[in-house]
C-alpha atoms as a PDB file:
ATOM      1  CA  MET A   1     -23.694  52.396 -27.135  1.00  0.00           C
ATOM      2  CA  ASP A   2     -23.309  51.596 -23.285  1.00  0.00           C
ATOM      3  CA  ASP A   3     -19.593  52.807 -21.454  1.00  0.00           C
ATOM      4  CA  SER A   4     -19.214  49.319 -20.321  1.00  0.00           C
ATOM      5  CA  LEU A   5     -19.440  47.975 -23.404  1.00  0.00           C
ATOM      6  CA  VAL A   6     -17.248  50.188 -25.076  1.00  0.00           C
ATOM      7  CA  ALA A   7     -14.448  49.949 -22.444  1.00  0.00           C
ATOM      8  CA  SER A   8     -14.290  46.127 -23.007  1.00  0.00           C
ATOM      9  CA  ARG A   9     -13.653  46.979 -26.311  1.00  0.00           C
ATOM     10  CA  ILE A  10     -10.749  49.137 -25.776  1.00  0.00           C
ATOM     11  CA  ALA A  11      -7.217  47.696 -25.625  1.00  0.00           C
ATOM     12  CA  ALA A  12      -6.141  47.822 -21.778  1.00  0.00           C
ATOM     13  CA  ASP A  13      -3.094  49.904 -23.072  1.00  0.00           C
ATOM     14  CA  ALA A  14      -4.675  52.388 -25.861  1.00  0.00           C
ATOM     15  CA  PRO A  15      -3.848  55.643 -24.897  1.00  0.00           C
ATOM     16  CA  LEU A  16      -6.941  57.621 -24.323  1.00  0.00           C
ATOM     17  CA  ARG A  17      -7.401  61.411 -23.746  1.00  0.00           C
ATOM     18  CA  LEU A  18      -7.647  61.914 -20.019  1.00  0.00           C
ATOM     19  CA  SER A  19     -11.237  63.003 -19.959  1.00  0.00           C
ATOM     20  CA  ILE A  20     -12.628  59.573 -22.019  1.00  0.00           C
ATOM     21  CA  ALA A  21     -10.739  57.814 -19.781  1.00  0.00           C
ATOM     22  CA  ALA A  22     -12.093  59.325 -16.816  1.00  0.00           C
ATOM     23  CA  LYS A  23     -15.767  58.278 -18.308  1.00  0.00           C
ATOM     24  CA  LEU A  24     -15.138  54.984 -19.008  1.00  0.00           C
ATOM     25  CA  ALA A  25     -12.876  53.972 -15.837  1.00  0.00           C
ATOM     26  CA  PHE A  26     -15.487  55.570 -13.404  1.00  0.00           C
ATOM     27  CA  PRO A  27     -18.798  55.317 -15.439  1.00  0.00           C
ATOM     28  CA  ASP A  28     -20.991  56.836 -12.277  1.00  0.00           C
ATOM     29  CA  GLY A  29     -19.214  60.094 -13.582  1.00  0.00           C
ATOM     30  CA  SER A  30     -17.137  60.530 -10.150  1.00  0.00           C
ATOM     31  CA  MET A  31     -14.061  60.934 -11.618  1.00  0.00           C
ATOM     32  CA  THR A  32     -13.005  63.951 -14.295  1.00  0.00           C
ATOM     33  CA  ALA A  33     -10.208  64.685 -16.167  1.00  0.00           C
ATOM     34  CA  SER A  34      -9.126  66.970 -13.576  1.00  0.00           C
ATOM     35  CA  GLY A  35      -9.072  64.441 -10.873  1.00  0.00           C
ATOM     36  CA  LEU A  36      -6.871  62.000 -13.505  1.00  0.00           C
ATOM     37  CA  ARG A  37      -4.399  65.030 -13.773  1.00  0.00           C
ATOM     38  CA  ARG A  38      -4.144  65.834  -9.606  1.00  0.00           C
ATOM     39  CA  GLU A  39      -3.454  62.044  -9.168  1.00  0.00           C
ATOM     40  CA  ALA A  40      -0.514  62.442 -11.921  1.00  0.00           C
ATOM     41  CA  LEU A  41       0.635  65.019 -10.477  1.00  0.00           C
ATOM     42  CA  ARG A  42       1.024  63.334  -7.004  1.00  0.00           C
ATOM     43  CA  GLY A  43       2.483  60.463  -9.260  1.00  0.00           C
ATOM     44  CA  ARG A  44      -0.009  57.812  -8.979  1.00  0.00           C
ATOM     45  CA  LEU A  45      -1.029  57.855 -12.492  1.00  0.00           C
ATOM     46  CA  GLN A  46       0.940  57.493 -15.291  1.00  0.00           C
ATOM     47  CA  VAL A  47       0.169  60.013 -18.335  1.00  0.00           C
ATOM     48  CA  GLU A  48       1.404  60.597 -21.497  1.00  0.00           C
ATOM     49  CA  ARG A  49       1.961  63.788 -22.920  1.00  0.00           C
ATOM     50  CA  ILE A  50       1.901  63.960 -26.925  1.00  0.00           C
ATOM     51  CA  ALA A  51       1.542  66.974 -28.518  1.00  0.00           C
ATOM     52  CA  GLY A  52       0.630  68.648 -25.796  1.00  0.00           C
ATOM     53  CA  LYS A  53      -1.906  66.806 -24.989  1.00  0.00           C
ATOM     54  CA  ASP A  54      -2.294  64.033 -21.761  1.00  0.00           C
ATOM     55  CA  TYR A  55      -3.616  60.749 -22.412  1.00  0.00           C
ATOM     56  CA  THR A  56      -3.512  57.749 -20.207  1.00  0.00           C
ATOM     57  CA  THR A  57      -4.622  54.020 -20.275  1.00  0.00           C
ATOM     58  CA  LEU A  58      -7.162  52.078 -18.321  1.00  0.00           C
ATOM     59  CA  GLU A  59      -4.565  49.842 -17.492  1.00  0.00           C
ATOM     60  CA  ALA A  60      -2.723  53.068 -15.953  1.00  0.00           C
ATOM     61  CA  ILE A  61      -5.790  53.717 -14.054  1.00  0.00           C
ATOM     62  CA  ASN A  62      -6.339  50.302 -12.406  1.00  0.00           C
ATOM     63  CA  GLU A  63      -2.768  50.571 -10.816  1.00  0.00           C
ATOM     64  CA  MET A  64      -3.396  53.989 -10.010  1.00  0.00           C
ATOM     65  CA  ARG A  65      -6.740  52.496  -8.187  1.00  0.00           C
ATOM     66  CA  LYS A  66      -4.598  49.960  -6.383  1.00  0.00           C
ATOM     67  CA  LEU A  67      -1.784  52.838  -5.103  1.00  0.00           C
ATOM     68  CA  CYS A  68      -5.220  54.701  -3.561  1.00  0.00           C
ATOM     69  CA  ARG A  69      -6.797  51.905  -1.844  1.00  0.00           C
ATOM     70  CA  VAL A  70      -7.505  52.564   1.858  1.00  0.00           C
ATOM     71  CA  GLN A  71      -6.203  50.538   4.297  1.00  0.00           C
ATOM     72  CA  ALA A  72      -8.743  49.259   6.714  1.00  0.00           C
ATOM     73  CA  ARG A  73      -8.016  50.709  10.091  1.00  0.00           C
ATOM     74  CA  GLU A  74      -7.882  48.676  13.568  1.00  0.00           C
ATOM     75  CA  LEU A  75     -10.371  49.397  16.282  1.00  0.00           C
ATOM     76  CA  GLY A  76      -8.975  52.230  18.870  1.00  0.00           C
ATOM     77  CA  SER A  77      -9.918  50.473  21.670  1.00  0.00           C
ATOM     78  CA  THR A  78      -9.629  46.558  22.053  1.00  0.00           C
ATOM     79  CA  ASN A  79      -8.637  44.117  24.863  1.00  0.00           C
ATOM     80  CA  VAL A  80      -5.914  42.531  23.040  1.00  0.00           C
ATOM     81  CA  SER A  81      -2.353  43.716  23.372  1.00  0.00           C
ATOM     82  CA  PRO A  82      -0.462  44.873  20.113  1.00  0.00           C
ATOM     83  CA  ASP A  83       2.016  42.754  18.373  1.00  0.00           C
ATOM     84  CA  ILE A  84       4.261  45.327  18.322  1.00  0.00           C
ATOM     85  CA  GLU A  85       6.455  45.663  21.786  1.00  0.00           C
ATOM     86  CA  THR A  86       6.438  49.351  22.700  1.00  0.00           C
ATOM     87  CA  ALA A  87       7.834  49.206  26.382  1.00  0.00           C
ATOM     88  CA  ARG A  88      11.621  50.220  24.769  1.00  0.00           C
ATOM     89  CA  SER A  89      10.377  53.100  23.308  1.00  0.00           C
ATOM     90  CA  SER A  90      11.425  56.119  24.829  1.00  0.00           C
ATOM     91  CA  THR A  91       9.124  59.021  25.846  1.00  0.00           C
ATOM     92  CA  LYS A  92      11.880  61.191  26.654  1.00  0.00           C
ATOM     93  CA  PRO A  93      12.607  63.765  23.053  1.00  0.00           C
ATOM     94  CA  SER A  94      15.838  62.861  21.496  1.00  0.00           C
ATOM     95  CA  GLY A  95      18.009  65.811  19.937  1.00  0.00           C
ATOM     96  CA  SER A  96      16.672  68.781  18.351  1.00  0.00           C
ATOM     97  CA  SER A  97      13.203  68.118  18.476  1.00  0.00           C
ATOM     98  CA  LYS A  98      12.421  69.255  21.771  1.00  0.00           C
ATOM     99  CA  THR A  99      10.784  72.504  21.411  1.00  0.00           C
ATOM    100  CA  ALA A 100      10.849  75.313  23.684  1.00  0.00           C
ATOM    101  CA  ILE A 101       8.151  76.073  26.090  1.00  0.00           C
ATOM    102  CA  ALA A 102       5.275  77.730  24.229  1.00  0.00           C
ATOM    103  CA  ILE A 103       4.219  81.394  24.356  1.00  0.00           C
ATOM    104  CA  SER A 104       1.362  82.943  23.053  1.00  0.00           C
ATOM    105  CA  PRO A 105       2.079  85.580  20.131  1.00  0.00           C
ATOM    106  CA  GLN A 106       0.811  88.475  22.260  1.00  0.00           C
ATOM    107  CA  ASP A 107       2.760  87.522  25.560  1.00  0.00           C
ATOM    108  CA  ALA A 108       5.745  87.488  22.902  1.00  0.00           C
ATOM    109  CA  LEU A 109       4.783  90.994  21.755  1.00  0.00           C
ATOM    110  CA  ARG A 110       4.417  92.324  25.187  1.00  0.00           C
ATOM    111  CA  ALA A 111       8.104  91.075  25.900  1.00  0.00           C
ATOM    112  CA  ARG A 112       9.300  92.771  23.311  1.00  0.00           C
ATOM    113  CA  LEU A 113       7.761  96.401  23.902  1.00  0.00           C
ATOM    114  CA  LYS A 114       8.598  95.968  27.578  1.00  0.00           C
ATOM    115  CA  LYS A 115      12.135  95.237  26.734  1.00  0.00           C
ATOM    116  CA  SER A 116      12.346  97.614  23.887  1.00  0.00           C
ATOM    117  CA  ARG A 117      10.998 100.352  26.769  1.00  0.00           C
ATOM    118  CA  GLN A 118      13.257  99.132  28.968  1.00  0.00           C
ATOM    119  CA  GLN A 119      16.396  99.902  26.620  1.00  0.00           C
ATOM    120  CA  LYS A 120      15.420 103.100  25.398  1.00  0.00           C
ATOM    121  CA  GLN A 121      15.028 104.334  29.416  1.00  0.00           C
ATOM    122  CA  ASN A 122      18.647 103.053  29.863  1.00  0.00           C
ATOM    123  CA  LYS A 123      20.172 105.392  26.842  1.00  0.00           C
ATOM    124  CA  PRO A 124      21.406 108.576  28.137  1.00  0.00           C
END
């Protein structure tokens, strides 16, 4: 029997093993039980663990899909000015977020070696 026909006969809140749920909700085979477990770890899929086995529902998968939807991005270059006023934004870093002048690891090592050599020469 076709998976889509089986899925239509299963109640949306019926517990399904992750492998079965993946086959029913993603009939093209693009999602596996492992993928659903990753989504559960990320907090986007509700999973029930019964007797050491993971179960979910088709309803929970639909909720996960809503959480995973990607929003369309606006074009980066347009002639239209943005709705948000940014003129008041400060370009000056605030508080402790200001970073020190970058120095390469190689230059930092050279400076430490030079300082170490100078300290050795100054010892009696």
